[in-house]
Amino acid sequence: MEELMGPGRGSYIWGRSVHNIRIERLWVDYTSGIGHKWVDFFFELELYYGLCHDNPAHIWLIHHLFLHQINEEVQGWADAWNSHKMRLEGERRKSPRDMFTFGLLEQGPRGLSQALLAQEDDVYSHIDDFGIDWEAQTNPRLIQHFTQHNEQLWRPEDPFATFTTPDTMAEVIVDPPEGPFTNAEVHELDQLLRNIVDVSSQEMGVRKLVWQEALAICSSFYGE
């Protein structure tokens, strides 16, 4: 892809996993549908409206004002995506929700609760094979890149060791920012803000006003 389309265009997503091919298109759709809008919004707040991403109080205010709106939009996007029809080779078009529902009828219940029970007739008898891009496995250039940038997968002290499943899975723990105000002050902030601007608006221009007014109110609490 790099040779065909040219470097620096993101034509190929380099990385450690060969199991990601099925999810990459979903990530592209999500970014274009939701992610870019909010990234651009926060960049504008930094450039023109006083947001400082190194200031914990500013990060708390961003969470307080917009986190629930982001979550609502993400849930709405996910519901729409789960209902859209997908082209399937050799089958009629189905939505992800259809595939899940009919999969339950055809294959039986699946999920965390079912995973706790022993399943002798597990349909994925070779779960380690699921989602692997076998074409990429035969590309020497990709394999060389993979081994060079994933040395942690191999045990140099044992050249005969094989890798199956990592001891621990990747995890990112993000602690919520601590707010500078008491509950009463937060309630007052919300009341004052609702009297000035429509805090429920989905227009990004109005949301900029929400940030500006909220920042001014917070500063007024300190007599500035």
Protein backbone atom coordinates (compact mmCIF):
# COMPACT_ATOMS: atom_id res chain seq x y z
CA MET A 1 0.00 0.00 0.00
CA GLU A 2 2.84 2.38 0.80
CA GLU A 3 4.48 1.70 -2.57
CA LEU A 4 1.21 1.96 -4.50
CA MET A 5 -0.40 4.95 -2.77
CA GLY A 6 2.72 6.73 -1.51
CA PRO A 7 4.14 7.28 2.00
CA GLY A 8 2.66 9.55 4.65
CA ARG A 9 -0.99 8.92 3.70
CA GLY A 10 -1.88 6.33 6.32
CA SER A 11 -2.53 3.79 3.56
CA TYR A 12 -1.32 0.95 5.77
CA ILE A 13 -1.75 0.82 9.53
CA TRP A 14 1.52 -0.47 10.92
CA GLY A 15 1.37 -2.26 14.24
CA ARG A 16 1.90 -5.39 16.26
CA SER A 17 -1.37 -7.25 15.72
CA VAL A 18 -2.39 -9.39 12.76
CA HIS A 19 -5.88 -9.80 14.21
CA ASN A 20 -7.05 -6.21 13.60
CA ILE A 21 -8.08 -6.30 9.94
CA ARG A 22 -11.79 -6.81 10.65
CA ILE A 23 -11.97 -3.85 13.03
CA GLU A 24 -9.94 -1.31 11.07
CA ARG A 25 -12.81 -0.31 8.78
CA LEU A 26 -15.06 0.21 11.79
CA TRP A 27 -12.41 2.47 13.32
CA VAL A 28 -12.21 4.55 10.12
CA ASP A 29 -16.01 4.93 10.03
CA TYR A 30 -16.14 5.89 13.71
CA THR A 31 -13.37 8.46 13.37
CA SER A 32 -15.01 10.13 10.38
CA GLY A 33 -18.45 10.03 12.01
CA ILE A 34 -17.63 11.11 15.57
CA GLY A 35 -13.95 11.40 16.39
CA HIS A 36 -12.82 14.11 13.97
CA LYS A 37 -15.61 16.48 15.01
CA TRP A 38 -14.66 16.44 18.67
CA VAL A 39 -10.91 16.51 18.02
CA ASP A 40 -11.35 19.63 15.88
CA PHE A 41 -13.61 21.13 18.54
CA PHE A 42 -11.06 20.72 21.33
CA PHE A 43 -8.24 22.01 19.13
CA GLU A 44 -10.31 25.15 18.47
CA LEU A 45 -10.91 25.61 22.19
CA GLU A 46 -7.15 25.46 22.72
CA LEU A 47 -6.31 27.83 19.88
CA TYR A 48 -9.00 30.47 20.35
CA TYR A 49 -10.97 29.98 23.56
CA GLY A 50 -8.48 29.58 26.39
CA LEU A 51 -8.43 25.81 26.95
CA CYS A 52 -5.14 24.62 28.45
CA HIS A 53 -4.80 20.84 28.26
CA ASP A 54 -2.07 20.89 30.94
CA ASN A 55 -4.42 22.50 33.47
CA PRO A 56 -6.23 19.83 35.55
CA ALA A 57 -9.06 22.28 36.33
CA HIS A 58 -9.65 22.83 32.61
CA ILE A 59 -9.69 19.08 31.99
CA TRP A 60 -12.22 18.66 34.79
CA LEU A 61 -14.41 21.36 33.25
CA ILE A 62 -14.22 19.74 29.81
CA HIS A 63 -15.32 16.43 31.34
CA HIS A 64 -18.11 18.10 33.29
CA LEU A 65 -19.47 19.98 30.28
CA PHE A 66 -19.07 17.56 27.41
CA LEU A 67 -18.35 13.97 28.50
CA HIS A 68 -22.02 13.02 28.77
CA GLN A 69 -22.70 14.57 25.34
CA ILE A 70 -19.83 12.63 23.79
CA ASN A 71 -21.11 9.40 25.35
CA GLU A 72 -24.63 10.05 24.03
CA GLU A 73 -23.34 10.72 20.51
CA VAL A 74 -21.14 7.62 20.57
CA GLN A 75 -24.07 5.48 21.69
CA GLY A 76 -26.28 6.96 18.97
CA TRP A 77 -23.60 6.32 16.35
CA ALA A 78 -23.14 2.74 17.56
CA ASP A 79 -26.89 2.09 17.39
CA ALA A 80 -27.00 3.42 13.82
CA TRP A 81 -23.93 1.42 12.77
CA ASN A 82 -25.34 -1.77 14.26
CA SER A 83 -28.46 -1.30 12.12
CA HIS A 84 -26.79 -0.59 8.76
CA LYS A 85 -26.67 -3.33 6.14
CA MET A 86 -23.31 -4.89 5.28
CA ARG A 87 -22.32 -6.76 2.14
CA LEU A 88 -21.38 -10.37 2.93
CA GLU A 89 -19.76 -12.71 0.45
CA GLY A 90 -22.17 -15.46 -0.57
CA GLU A 91 -24.96 -14.19 1.69
CA ARG A 92 -27.68 -11.57 1.67
CA ARG A 93 -26.91 -8.18 3.21
CA LYS A 94 -27.20 -8.14 6.99
CA SER A 95 -26.70 -5.59 9.74
CA PRO A 96 -24.35 -6.32 12.67
CA ARG A 97 -27.45 -6.57 14.86
CA ASP A 98 -28.97 -9.14 12.49
CA MET A 99 -25.75 -11.16 12.48
CA PHE A 100 -25.66 -11.14 16.27
CA THR A 101 -29.33 -12.08 16.65
CA PHE A 102 -29.36 -14.84 14.03
CA GLY A 103 -25.99 -16.04 15.32
CA LEU A 104 -27.58 -16.62 18.73
CA LEU A 105 -30.36 -18.64 17.09
CA GLU A 106 -28.01 -20.67 14.91
CA GLN A 107 -25.03 -21.16 17.21
CA GLY A 108 -26.51 -20.74 20.67
CA PRO A 109 -25.90 -18.02 23.27
CA ARG A 110 -22.47 -16.41 23.39
CA GLY A 111 -21.03 -13.84 25.75
CA LEU A 112 -19.23 -13.41 29.04
CA SER A 113 -21.78 -15.43 30.99
CA GLN A 114 -21.54 -18.29 28.50
CA ALA A 115 -17.74 -18.15 28.47
CA LEU A 116 -17.76 -19.11 32.13
CA LEU A 117 -19.39 -22.43 31.25
CA ALA A 118 -17.55 -25.36 29.67
CA GLN A 119 -18.43 -25.63 25.99
CA GLU A 120 -17.42 -28.96 24.50
CA ASP A 121 -18.87 -28.03 21.09
CA ASP A 122 -17.21 -24.63 20.81
CA VAL A 123 -17.53 -23.43 17.20
CA TYR A 124 -14.11 -21.74 17.43
CA SER A 125 -11.98 -24.80 17.96
CA HIS A 126 -8.90 -22.80 16.93
CA ILE A 127 -9.55 -19.40 18.47
CA ASP A 128 -5.94 -18.29 17.93
CA ASP A 129 -6.57 -18.41 14.17
CA PHE A 130 -9.58 -16.11 14.26
CA GLY A 131 -9.11 -12.83 12.35
CA ILE A 132 -5.55 -13.44 11.15
CA ASP A 133 -4.67 -11.88 7.80
CA TRP A 134 -3.01 -14.89 6.20
CA GLU A 135 -1.93 -12.88 3.15
CA ALA A 136 0.11 -10.62 5.40
CA GLN A 137 1.76 -13.68 6.93
CA THR A 138 3.36 -14.47 3.56
CA ASN A 139 4.70 -10.94 3.04
CA PRO A 140 8.37 -10.90 4.14
CA ARG A 141 8.45 -7.11 4.45
CA LEU A 142 5.48 -7.01 6.83
CA ILE A 143 6.76 -9.92 8.89
CA GLN A 144 10.19 -8.28 9.19
CA HIS A 145 8.55 -5.05 10.37
CA PHE A 146 6.41 -7.02 12.84
CA THR A 147 9.33 -8.88 14.41
CA GLN A 148 11.53 -5.77 14.59
CA HIS A 149 8.92 -3.74 16.46
CA ASN A 150 7.53 -6.47 18.72
CA GLU A 151 10.57 -7.88 20.45
CA GLN A 152 8.55 -8.20 23.66
CA LEU A 153 6.67 -11.11 22.09
CA TRP A 154 9.77 -13.28 22.01
CA ARG A 155 11.88 -14.58 24.88
CA PRO A 156 15.53 -13.97 23.95
CA GLU A 157 16.69 -16.25 26.75
CA ASP A 158 14.91 -19.17 25.09
CA PRO A 159 15.27 -19.22 21.28
CA PHE A 160 12.96 -22.25 21.07
CA ALA A 161 10.06 -20.65 22.95
CA THR A 162 6.80 -20.06 21.10
CA PHE A 163 4.30 -17.29 21.64
CA THR A 164 0.61 -18.01 22.09
CA THR A 165 -1.33 -15.69 24.39
CA PRO A 166 0.20 -12.80 26.40
CA ASP A 167 0.28 -13.10 30.18
CA THR A 168 -1.56 -9.79 30.49
CA MET A 169 -3.76 -7.96 28.02
CA ALA A 170 -3.25 -4.30 27.08
CA GLU A 171 -5.04 -1.93 29.42
CA VAL A 172 -5.19 1.83 29.83
CA ILE A 173 -6.54 3.10 33.15
CA VAL A 174 -7.66 6.73 33.09
CA ASP A 175 -8.55 8.23 36.45
CA PRO A 176 -11.20 10.98 36.25
CA PRO A 177 -9.87 14.47 37.04
CA GLU A 178 -10.59 15.87 40.48
CA GLY A 179 -12.76 18.98 40.44
CA PRO A 180 -11.74 22.21 42.22
CA PHE A 181 -15.26 22.95 43.50
CA THR A 182 -17.62 21.68 46.17
CA ASN A 183 -20.89 20.04 45.17
CA ALA A 184 -22.71 23.27 45.99
CA GLU A 185 -20.39 25.27 43.73
CA VAL A 186 -20.82 22.78 40.89
CA HIS A 187 -24.59 23.08 41.28
CA GLU A 188 -24.31 26.88 41.16
CA LEU A 189 -22.12 26.66 38.05
CA ASP A 190 -24.72 24.52 36.31
CA GLN A 191 -27.57 26.85 37.30
CA LEU A 192 -25.79 29.99 36.11
CA LEU A 193 -24.76 28.33 32.88
CA ARG A 194 -28.30 27.15 32.07
CA ASN A 195 -29.55 30.72 32.48
CA ILE A 196 -27.06 32.01 29.89
CA VAL A 197 -26.77 29.42 27.12
CA ASP A 198 -28.49 26.28 25.85
CA VAL A 199 -26.29 23.59 27.42
CA SER A 200 -28.24 20.81 25.67
CA SER A 201 -27.55 22.11 22.15
CA GLN A 202 -25.79 19.77 19.73
CA GLU A 203 -24.44 22.63 17.61
CA MET A 204 -20.68 22.86 17.96
CA GLY A 205 -20.86 26.67 17.76
CA VAL A 206 -23.19 26.77 20.76
CA ARG A 207 -20.93 24.33 22.58
CA LYS A 208 -18.07 26.80 22.17
CA LEU A 209 -20.26 29.39 23.91
CA VAL A 210 -20.95 26.86 26.67
CA TRP A 211 -17.21 26.50 27.24
CA GLN A 212 -16.59 30.27 27.18
CA GLU A 213 -19.38 31.06 29.63
CA ALA A 214 -18.48 28.17 31.93
CA LEU A 215 -14.83 29.28 32.00
CA ALA A 216 -15.90 32.83 32.87
CA ILE A 217 -18.19 31.62 35.66
CA CYS A 218 -15.46 29.43 37.13
CA SER A 219 -13.03 32.37 37.10
CA SER A 220 -15.64 34.54 38.83
CA PHE A 221 -15.73 32.08 41.73
CA TYR A 222 -12.14 33.08 42.42
CA GLY A 223 -12.88 36.80 42.10
CA GLU A 224 -11.04 37.24 38.79
